[in-house]
Amino acid sequence: MHPLPPYAELLGLRTERGEDGALLWVMPFREEVVGRPGFLHGGAIAGLLEFAALGTLYEALGDGATAKPINVSVDFMRGGTDHDTFASAVVTRLGSRVANVEAHAWQQDRSKPIAAARMNLMVRRQKSSPTFVGEGDQAKPGGGVLPPL
């Protein structure tokens, strides 16, 4: 994974893998993310959700791809308190030019999210050179090759 941008560093974000192998983003509770005393700032929560969504999308796209937000919607469901905050995302649609991603943030109980985001993103993939099927390779639908069985 690439180094995190300065805003992610300010938020203290780190990544880890969940039991299912999914990418999880973690934001520790600290002074830099406090809004009103004892509660997370809404911008910090939204930033965490954006990083979770983009990180999951970039993982699905692979190297060389870029994405730019078209639309972002964040729903705040309850106040974030003085606990670590977790976020994960799911790519709900990945087309050739547009991707839709949903992200959820929670603290102690994943079934009680504190916020959710939906993002529509314009996707630009790196143009790749044509792949040729060679001896021992197997063509897969949509082009490219699969390794020999």
Protein backbone atom coordinates (compact mmCIF):
# COMPACT_ATOMS: atom_id res chain seq x y z
CA MET A 1 0.00 0.00 0.00
CA HIS A 2 1.15 3.55 -0.72
CA PRO A 3 2.07 5.98 2.06
CA LEU A 4 -0.92 7.75 3.57
CA PRO A 5 -1.60 11.40 2.67
CA PRO A 6 -0.99 14.11 5.30
CA TYR A 7 -4.68 14.32 6.30
CA ALA A 8 -4.74 10.59 7.06
CA GLU A 9 -1.62 11.03 9.17
CA LEU A 10 -3.26 13.94 11.04
CA LEU A 11 -6.24 11.68 11.79
CA GLY A 12 -3.82 8.98 12.99
CA LEU A 13 -5.27 6.42 10.56
CA ARG A 14 -3.87 2.95 10.20
CA THR A 15 -5.05 -0.12 8.32
CA GLU A 16 -5.41 -3.73 9.32
CA ARG A 17 -7.14 -6.82 8.02
CA GLY A 18 -10.34 -8.15 9.54
CA GLU A 19 -10.90 -11.83 10.26
CA ASP A 20 -12.48 -12.15 6.82
CA GLY A 21 -9.45 -10.53 5.15
CA ALA A 22 -11.28 -7.29 4.45
CA LEU A 23 -9.43 -4.00 4.73
CA LEU A 24 -10.25 -2.13 7.97
CA TRP A 25 -9.34 1.46 8.71
CA VAL A 26 -8.77 2.47 12.34
CA MET A 27 -8.83 6.00 13.74
CA PRO A 28 -7.73 6.30 17.38
CA PHE A 29 -9.53 8.79 19.60
CA ARG A 30 -7.14 11.69 20.23
CA GLU A 31 -7.13 15.47 20.50
CA GLU A 32 -6.76 16.03 16.73
CA VAL A 33 -10.11 14.35 15.98
CA VAL A 34 -12.21 15.91 18.77
CA GLY A 35 -15.07 18.26 17.94
CA ARG A 36 -17.06 19.18 21.01
CA PRO A 37 -15.49 17.83 24.22
CA GLY A 38 -15.62 14.03 24.39
CA PHE A 39 -16.93 13.55 20.85
CA LEU A 40 -15.41 13.01 17.42
CA HIS A 41 -15.55 15.82 14.89
CA GLY A 42 -17.88 15.06 11.97
CA GLY A 43 -15.15 15.97 9.48
CA ALA A 44 -12.81 13.40 11.01
CA ILE A 45 -15.50 10.71 10.72
CA ALA A 46 -16.23 11.71 7.11
CA GLY A 47 -12.50 11.64 6.34
CA LEU A 48 -12.20 8.14 7.80
CA LEU A 49 -15.14 6.98 5.67
CA GLU A 50 -13.61 8.53 2.54
CA PHE A 51 -10.26 6.81 3.12
CA ALA A 52 -12.02 3.48 3.73
CA ALA A 53 -14.02 3.84 0.51
CA LEU A 54 -11.07 4.92 -1.61
CA GLY A 55 -8.72 2.32 -0.12
CA THR A 56 -11.18 -0.48 -0.84
CA LEU A 57 -11.82 0.81 -4.37
CA TYR A 58 -8.10 1.13 -5.17
CA GLU A 59 -7.54 -2.38 -3.89
CA ALA A 60 -10.27 -3.63 -6.27
CA LEU A 61 -8.90 -1.62 -9.22
CA GLY A 62 -5.24 -2.56 -8.87
CA ASP A 63 -2.16 -0.51 -9.69
CA GLY A 64 -2.26 2.44 -12.05
CA ALA A 65 -5.94 3.32 -11.63
CA THR A 66 -7.27 6.64 -10.37
CA ALA A 67 -10.66 7.68 -9.03
CA LYS A 68 -12.28 11.08 -8.54
CA PRO A 69 -15.41 11.66 -6.48
CA ILE A 70 -18.57 12.56 -8.37
CA ASN A 71 -20.88 12.52 -5.37
CA VAL A 72 -20.40 11.89 -1.64
CA SER A 73 -23.19 11.48 0.90
CA VAL A 74 -22.53 10.95 4.61
CA ASP A 75 -25.16 9.97 7.18
CA PHE A 76 -24.27 10.59 10.84
CA MET A 77 -26.20 8.16 13.04
CA ARG A 78 -24.81 8.70 16.53
CA GLY A 79 -21.99 10.61 18.18
CA GLY A 80 -18.54 9.08 18.17
CA THR A 81 -17.11 8.97 21.69
CA ASP A 82 -13.68 8.37 23.23
CA HIS A 83 -12.99 4.96 21.63
CA ASP A 84 -11.12 3.82 18.53
CA THR A 85 -13.28 4.14 15.42
CA PHE A 86 -13.25 1.50 12.69
CA ALA A 87 -14.40 1.75 9.08
CA SER A 88 -14.72 -0.64 6.17
CA ALA A 89 -16.18 -0.33 2.71
CA VAL A 90 -17.75 -2.42 -0.03
CA VAL A 91 -17.60 -1.72 -3.75
CA THR A 92 -21.23 -2.17 -4.77
CA ARG A 93 -20.67 -1.50 -8.48
CA LEU A 94 -17.47 -1.36 -10.49
CA GLY A 95 -18.06 -0.35 -14.08
CA SER A 96 -15.62 0.70 -16.75
CA ARG A 97 -15.98 4.42 -15.89
CA VAL A 98 -17.99 4.68 -12.65
CA ALA A 99 -17.76 2.95 -9.28
CA ASN A 100 -20.19 2.99 -6.36
CA VAL A 101 -18.83 2.39 -2.87
CA GLU A 102 -20.49 2.20 0.55
CA ALA A 103 -18.53 2.69 3.78
CA HIS A 104 -19.56 2.27 7.43
CA ALA A 105 -17.90 3.47 10.63
CA TRP A 106 -18.43 2.01 14.09
CA GLN A 107 -16.76 1.94 17.46
CA GLN A 108 -17.26 -0.88 19.94
CA ASP A 109 -20.07 -2.71 18.14
CA ARG A 110 -20.04 -3.15 14.37
CA SER A 111 -23.82 -3.63 14.36
CA LYS A 112 -24.22 -0.07 15.71
CA PRO A 113 -22.63 2.20 13.08
CA ILE A 114 -21.93 5.81 13.98
CA ALA A 115 -21.87 6.93 10.32
CA ALA A 116 -22.22 5.68 6.76
CA ALA A 117 -21.16 7.08 3.39
CA ARG A 118 -22.06 6.44 -0.22
CA MET A 119 -19.66 7.54 -2.93
CA ASN A 120 -19.97 7.61 -6.69
CA LEU A 121 -16.57 7.90 -8.32
CA MET A 122 -15.26 8.40 -11.83
CA VAL A 123 -12.71 5.68 -12.53
CA ARG A 124 -9.78 5.89 -14.90
CA ARG A 125 -7.84 2.69 -15.45
CA GLN A 126 -4.33 2.49 -16.79
CA LYS A 127 -4.34 1.33 -20.37
CA SER A 128 -2.61 -2.02 -20.58
CA SER A 129 -0.86 -3.61 -23.51
CA PRO A 130 -2.68 -6.48 -25.20
CA THR A 131 -2.20 -9.88 -23.64
CA PHE A 132 -1.54 -12.85 -25.86
CA VAL A 133 -2.39 -16.40 -24.98
CA GLY A 134 0.78 -18.45 -24.96
CA GLU A 135 1.48 -22.14 -24.70
CA GLY A 136 0.23 -23.52 -21.37
CA ASP A 137 -1.99 -20.51 -20.72
CA GLN A 138 -5.75 -20.55 -20.78
CA ALA A 139 -7.82 -17.67 -22.17
CA LYS A 140 -10.36 -16.22 -19.76
CA PRO A 141 -13.58 -14.45 -20.76
CA GLY A 142 -13.00 -10.76 -21.28
CA GLY A 143 -9.38 -11.17 -22.34
CA GLY A 144 -6.18 -11.78 -20.43
CA VAL A 145 -4.89 -15.16 -19.34
CA LEU A 146 -5.18 -17.47 -16.40
CA PRO A 147 -2.13 -19.31 -15.13
CA PRO A 148 -1.82 -22.96 -16.20
CA LEU A 149 -3.85 -25.38 -14.06
